[in-house]
Amino acid sequence: MLMTRFVLPVAPPISVSNNDPGQRKLNVPVTATLLRRGLISITQQDQQLAKFLFADPKPTLQNFATGLIRECLTCDPPLASQSQFSFTIEVLSQIMQTGKENDE
């Protein structure tokens, strides 16, 4: 039997908010599920998330990044170690040092 492997985009999954159709909302539970199922790689997710944060450190993206890391580290069993999000954590640290972090 021939098995085909599909390649999914690495960008964080989004959903459209019902309150504002133009507003994109990043979804931690959906992303965590995709990571858990192996449909997206933690390494690629970390790299892409760091790249997006570096380019445009929006508060919603910062919240998504911290929420995703928190979920991946604290779920049972953990989906990832802190070192697997090294790029994202580094960019978040840089954002804090420049004073562009959000209040949450």
Protein backbone atom coordinates (compact mmCIF):
# COMPACT_ATOMS: atom_id res chain seq x y z
CA MET A 1 0.00 0.00 0.00
CA LEU A 2 1.35 3.40 -0.98
CA MET A 3 1.13 6.00 1.78
CA THR A 4 1.10 9.69 0.97
CA ARG A 5 2.30 12.23 3.48
CA PHE A 6 0.72 15.65 3.36
CA VAL A 7 2.67 18.76 4.23
CA LEU A 8 0.71 21.33 6.18
CA PRO A 9 1.58 25.01 6.40
CA VAL A 10 3.70 25.92 9.41
CA ALA A 11 2.01 29.22 10.19
CA PRO A 12 0.02 29.24 13.43
CA PRO A 13 -3.59 28.17 12.92
CA ILE A 14 -6.08 31.00 12.95
CA SER A 15 -9.81 31.32 13.27
CA VAL A 16 -12.03 34.25 12.43
CA SER A 17 -13.72 36.00 15.35
CA ASN A 18 -17.51 36.13 15.12
CA ASN A 19 -17.51 39.67 16.57
CA ASP A 20 -15.19 41.14 13.96
CA PRO A 21 -14.90 39.19 10.70
CA GLY A 22 -11.71 41.07 9.78
CA GLN A 23 -9.95 40.24 13.07
CA ARG A 24 -7.77 37.13 13.01
CA LYS A 25 -7.48 35.28 16.28
CA LEU A 26 -4.66 32.86 17.04
CA ASN A 27 -5.88 29.66 18.66
CA VAL A 28 -3.72 27.96 21.32
CA PRO A 29 -5.89 24.81 21.78
CA VAL A 30 -6.02 24.13 18.03
CA THR A 31 -2.26 24.63 17.63
CA ALA A 32 -1.53 22.42 20.66
CA THR A 33 -3.72 19.69 19.20
CA LEU A 34 -1.91 19.87 15.85
CA LEU A 35 1.43 19.65 17.67
CA ARG A 36 0.20 16.75 19.82
CA ARG A 37 -0.92 14.82 16.73
CA GLY A 38 2.36 15.51 14.94
CA LEU A 39 0.67 17.40 12.12
CA ILE A 40 3.03 20.33 12.61
CA SER A 41 6.51 20.11 14.06
CA ILE A 42 7.45 21.89 17.25
CA THR A 43 10.77 22.96 15.73
CA GLN A 44 9.12 24.54 12.70
CA GLN A 45 6.40 26.13 14.84
CA ASP A 46 9.07 27.66 17.07
CA GLN A 47 11.00 29.06 14.10
CA GLN A 48 7.93 30.51 12.39
CA LEU A 49 6.52 31.97 15.59
CA ALA A 50 9.85 33.64 16.39
CA LYS A 51 10.00 35.02 12.85
CA PHE A 52 6.47 36.48 13.09
CA LEU A 53 7.17 37.98 16.53
CA PHE A 54 10.43 39.52 15.35
CA ALA A 55 8.75 41.08 12.31
CA ASP A 56 5.69 42.42 14.15
CA PRO A 57 5.47 41.96 17.94
CA LYS A 58 1.71 42.51 18.20
CA PRO A 59 0.21 41.94 21.66
CA THR A 60 -2.13 39.24 20.29
CA LEU A 61 0.85 37.36 18.86
CA GLN A 62 2.79 37.74 22.10
CA ASN A 63 -0.20 36.36 24.03
CA PHE A 64 -0.50 33.47 21.59
CA ALA A 65 3.21 32.63 21.90
CA THR A 66 3.23 32.68 25.68
CA GLY A 67 -0.03 30.76 25.86
CA LEU A 68 1.20 28.10 23.46
CA ILE A 69 4.50 27.66 25.29
CA ARG A 70 2.67 27.48 28.63
CA GLU A 71 0.25 24.87 27.26
CA CYS A 72 3.02 22.76 25.73
CA LEU A 73 5.11 22.79 28.91
CA THR A 74 2.33 22.20 31.45
CA CYS A 75 -0.01 19.71 29.78
CA ASP A 76 0.17 16.08 30.90
CA PRO A 77 2.31 14.72 29.35
CA PRO A 78 4.23 17.81 28.22
CA LEU A 79 4.33 18.32 24.45
CA ALA A 80 7.70 20.06 24.48
CA SER A 81 10.56 21.20 26.63
CA GLN A 82 11.53 24.82 27.11
CA SER A 83 14.55 24.33 24.87
CA GLN A 84 12.29 23.36 21.97
CA PHE A 85 10.90 26.91 21.98
CA SER A 86 14.32 28.56 22.21
CA PHE A 87 13.86 30.90 19.22
CA THR A 88 10.46 32.15 20.38
CA ILE A 89 11.67 32.61 23.96
CA GLU A 90 14.71 34.53 22.71
CA VAL A 91 12.56 36.89 20.63
CA LEU A 92 10.14 37.38 23.53
CA SER A 93 13.14 38.27 25.73
CA GLN A 94 14.30 40.81 23.13
CA ILE A 95 10.80 42.30 22.99
CA MET A 96 10.83 42.70 26.78
CA GLN A 97 14.25 44.36 26.69
CA THR A 98 13.10 46.92 24.13
CA GLY A 99 9.96 47.71 26.14
CA LYS A 100 7.55 46.59 23.42
CA GLU A 101 5.97 43.83 25.49
CA ASN A 102 2.28 43.91 26.31
CA ASP A 103 0.97 44.17 29.85
CA GLU A 104 -0.42 40.63 30.01
